[in-house]
Each structure stands twice: as structure tokens, then as C-alpha cells.
C-alpha atoms as a PDB file:
ATOM      1  CA  ASN A   1      37.576 -56.573  -3.875  1.00  0.00           C
ATOM      2  CA  LEU A   2      34.217 -55.996  -2.235  1.00  0.00           C
ATOM      3  CA  PHE A   3      32.455 -58.802  -4.112  1.00  0.00           C
ATOM      4  CA  MET A   4      35.202 -61.356  -3.550  1.00  0.00           C
ATOM      5  CA  ASN A   5      35.619 -60.562   0.153  1.00  0.00           C
ATOM      6  CA  ALA A   6      31.940 -60.298   1.053  1.00  0.00           C
ATOM      7  CA  PRO A   7      30.542 -63.181   3.107  1.00  0.00           C
ATOM      8  CA  LYS A   8      28.424 -65.475   0.960  1.00  0.00           C
ATOM      9  CA  PRO A   9      25.604 -65.584   0.187  1.00  0.00           C
ATOM     10  CA  VAL A  10      25.403 -61.885  -0.616  1.00  0.00           C
ATOM     11  CA  LEU A  11      22.057 -60.180  -0.033  1.00  0.00           C
ATOM     12  CA  LEU A  12      21.460 -57.112  -2.183  1.00  0.00           C
ATOM     13  CA  HIS A  13      18.506 -54.969  -1.218  1.00  0.00           C
ATOM     14  CA  CYS A  14      17.170 -51.465  -1.673  1.00  0.00           C
ATOM     15  CA  GLN A  15      13.799 -49.907  -0.921  1.00  0.00           C
ATOM     16  CA  ALA A  16      12.002 -51.189  -4.006  1.00  0.00           C
ATOM     17  CA  GLY A  17      14.540 -53.904  -4.751  1.00  0.00           C
ATOM     18  CA  ALA A  18      15.196 -52.626  -8.249  1.00  0.00           C
ATOM     19  CA  ASP A  19      17.570 -49.753  -8.811  1.00  0.00           C
ATOM     20  CA  ARG A  20      20.517 -50.016  -6.437  1.00  0.00           C
ATOM     21  CA  THR A  21      20.030 -53.756  -6.262  1.00  0.00           C
ATOM     22  CA  GLY A  22      19.853 -53.912 -10.055  1.00  0.00           C
ATOM     23  CA  LEU A  23      23.013 -51.833 -10.369  1.00  0.00           C
ATOM     24  CA  ALA A  24      24.903 -54.004  -7.873  1.00  0.00           C
ATOM     25  CA  SER A  25      23.609 -57.143  -9.599  1.00  0.00           C
ATOM     26  CA  ALA A  26      24.713 -55.836 -12.982  1.00  0.00           C
ATOM     27  CA  LEU A  27      28.191 -55.126 -11.614  1.00  0.00           C
ATOM     28  CA  TRP A  28      28.275 -58.599 -10.031  1.00  0.00           C
ATOM     29  CA  LYS A  29      27.422 -60.095 -13.417  1.00  0.00           C
ATOM     30  CA  LEU A  30      30.229 -58.149 -15.092  1.00  0.00           C
ATOM     31  CA  LYS A  31      32.902 -58.770 -12.471  1.00  0.00           C
ATOM     32  CA  MET A  32      32.156 -62.103 -10.843  1.00  0.00           C
ATOM     33  CA  ASN A  33      30.334 -63.950 -13.617  1.00  0.00           C
ATOM     34  CA  LYS A  34      32.322 -62.376 -16.460  1.00  0.00           C
ATOM     35  CA  SER A  35      28.948 -61.886 -18.136  1.00  0.00           C
ATOM     36  CA  SER A  36      28.414 -59.796 -21.223  1.00  0.00           C
ATOM     37  CA  LEU A  37      27.206 -56.216 -21.023  1.00  0.00           C
ATOM     38  CA  LYS A  38      23.854 -57.388 -22.413  1.00  0.00           C
ATOM     39  CA  GLU A  39      23.482 -59.954 -19.597  1.00  0.00           C
ATOM     40  CA  ALA A  40      24.430 -57.344 -17.020  1.00  0.00           C
ATOM     41  CA  LEU A  41      21.913 -54.844 -18.394  1.00  0.00           C
ATOM     42  CA  ASP A  42      19.254 -57.561 -18.126  1.00  0.00           C
ATOM     43  CA  GLN A  43      19.352 -56.907 -14.357  1.00  0.00           C
ATOM     44  CA  LEU A  44      17.755 -53.512 -15.076  1.00  0.00           C
ATOM     45  CA  ARG A  45      14.519 -54.584 -16.732  1.00  0.00           C
ATOM     46  CA  THR A  46      10.909 -53.839 -15.956  1.00  0.00           C
ATOM     47  CA  ARG A  47      10.242 -57.472 -15.089  1.00  0.00           C
ATOM     48  CA  ARG A  48      12.873 -57.100 -12.353  1.00  0.00           C
ATOM     49  CA  GLY A  49      11.219 -53.954 -10.983  1.00  0.00           C
ATOM     50  CA  HIS A  50      13.359 -51.350 -12.754  1.00  0.00           C
ATOM     51  CA  TYR A  51      11.436 -48.610 -14.535  1.00  0.00           C
ATOM     52  CA  GLU A  52      13.750 -46.779 -16.893  1.00  0.00           C
ATOM     53  CA  ILE A  53      11.457 -43.755 -17.023  1.00  0.00           C
ATOM     54  CA  LEU A  54      12.069 -43.222 -13.284  1.00  0.00           C
ATOM     55  CA  ARG A  55      15.834 -43.865 -13.378  1.00  0.00           C
ATOM     56  CA  PRO A  56      16.933 -43.156 -16.966  1.00  0.00           C
ATOM     57  CA  ASN A  57      20.659 -43.097 -16.167  1.00  0.00           C
ATOM     58  CA  MET A  58      20.992 -46.522 -14.558  1.00  0.00           C
ATOM     59  CA  LYS A  59      21.743 -48.368 -17.808  1.00  0.00           C
ATOM     60  CA  LYS A  60      24.043 -45.552 -18.869  1.00  0.00           C
ATOM     61  CA  THR A  61      25.908 -45.987 -15.576  1.00  0.00           C
ATOM     62  CA  VAL A  62      26.384 -49.725 -16.209  1.00  0.00           C
ATOM     63  CA  ARG A  63      27.594 -49.054 -19.764  1.00  0.00           C
ATOM     64  CA  GLU A  64      30.083 -46.429 -18.566  1.00  0.00           C
ATOM     65  CA  LEU A  65      31.372 -48.625 -15.740  1.00  0.00           C
ATOM     66  CA  HIS A  66      31.726 -51.528 -18.180  1.00  0.00           C
ATOM     67  CA  ALA A  67      33.823 -49.330 -20.481  1.00  0.00           C
ATOM     68  CA  LEU A  68      35.979 -48.221 -17.529  1.00  0.00           C
ATOM     69  CA  MET A  69      36.404 -51.838 -16.418  1.00  0.00           C
ATOM     70  CA  ILE A  70      37.660 -52.735 -19.889  1.00  0.00           C
ATOM     71  CA  GLU A  71      40.092 -49.809 -19.836  1.00  0.00           C
ATOM     72  CA  ASN A  72      41.334 -50.835 -16.378  1.00  0.00           C
ATOM     73  CA  GLY A  73      41.746 -54.556 -16.995  1.00  0.00           C
ATOM     74  CA  ASN A  74      38.331 -55.493 -15.563  1.00  0.00           C
ATOM     75  CA  MET A  75      39.253 -53.957 -12.211  1.00  0.00           C
ATOM     76  CA  ILE A  76      35.925 -52.747 -10.881  1.00  0.00           C
ATOM     77  CA  GLU A  77      37.567 -50.990  -7.928  1.00  0.00           C
ATOM     78  CA  LYS A  78      39.674 -48.844 -10.260  1.00  0.00           C
ATOM     79  CA  ALA A  79      36.617 -48.142 -12.425  1.00  0.00           C
ATOM     80  CA  LEU A  80      34.604 -47.034  -9.398  1.00  0.00           C
ATOM     81  CA  GLU A  81      37.421 -44.740  -8.262  1.00  0.00           C
ATOM     82  CA  ASN A  82      37.067 -42.896 -11.563  1.00  0.00           C
ATOM     83  CA  TYR A  83      33.276 -42.835 -11.553  1.00  0.00           C
ATOM     84  CA  ASN A  84      31.026 -40.817  -9.291  1.00  0.00           C
ATOM     85  CA  VAL A  85      28.364 -43.369  -8.347  1.00  0.00           C
END
């Protein structure tokens, strides 16, 4: 698993620090912290630099990946195989 095998601490960064970083942070919350979908989606908020009007499908992506993780026994790798990120 990418998250489990990555050297710690993990630095997540993208150009504006919001969208890809927010997506990776949301997935971290779901997989590593066993957080709720609501807590994961909190990573994609305006106060964190995410502007939904610019990237309207980011939250949808997290919701869909969450559903796939549930279907696949919380295996994020399997969910990502079945999802075109």
C-alpha cells in the first residue's frame, strides 16, 4: 500500500496546494485514519484552498472512491484500479 509503505512524514504538495493535495489527504483520511466520508471531504474546503467551482468533480471523486473502497473491503489499491483518477 502506497500510504503504508511511504517514508514518514509524508509531504503532499501540488501547485496551489489544494486539489491533488486535498484529494490525497482525503484518501489518507479514509484509508489510514479510518475517518468518515464527511471528515475526508473536509479536506476539500475553501478554507483549505479548494474552490469547488474550479474543480467541481473532486468531491464526487472522493465519494466514488469511498464507495469503491467499501465494496472492496476498504482496499484503496483495488478501488483505484477500478477508477480512472
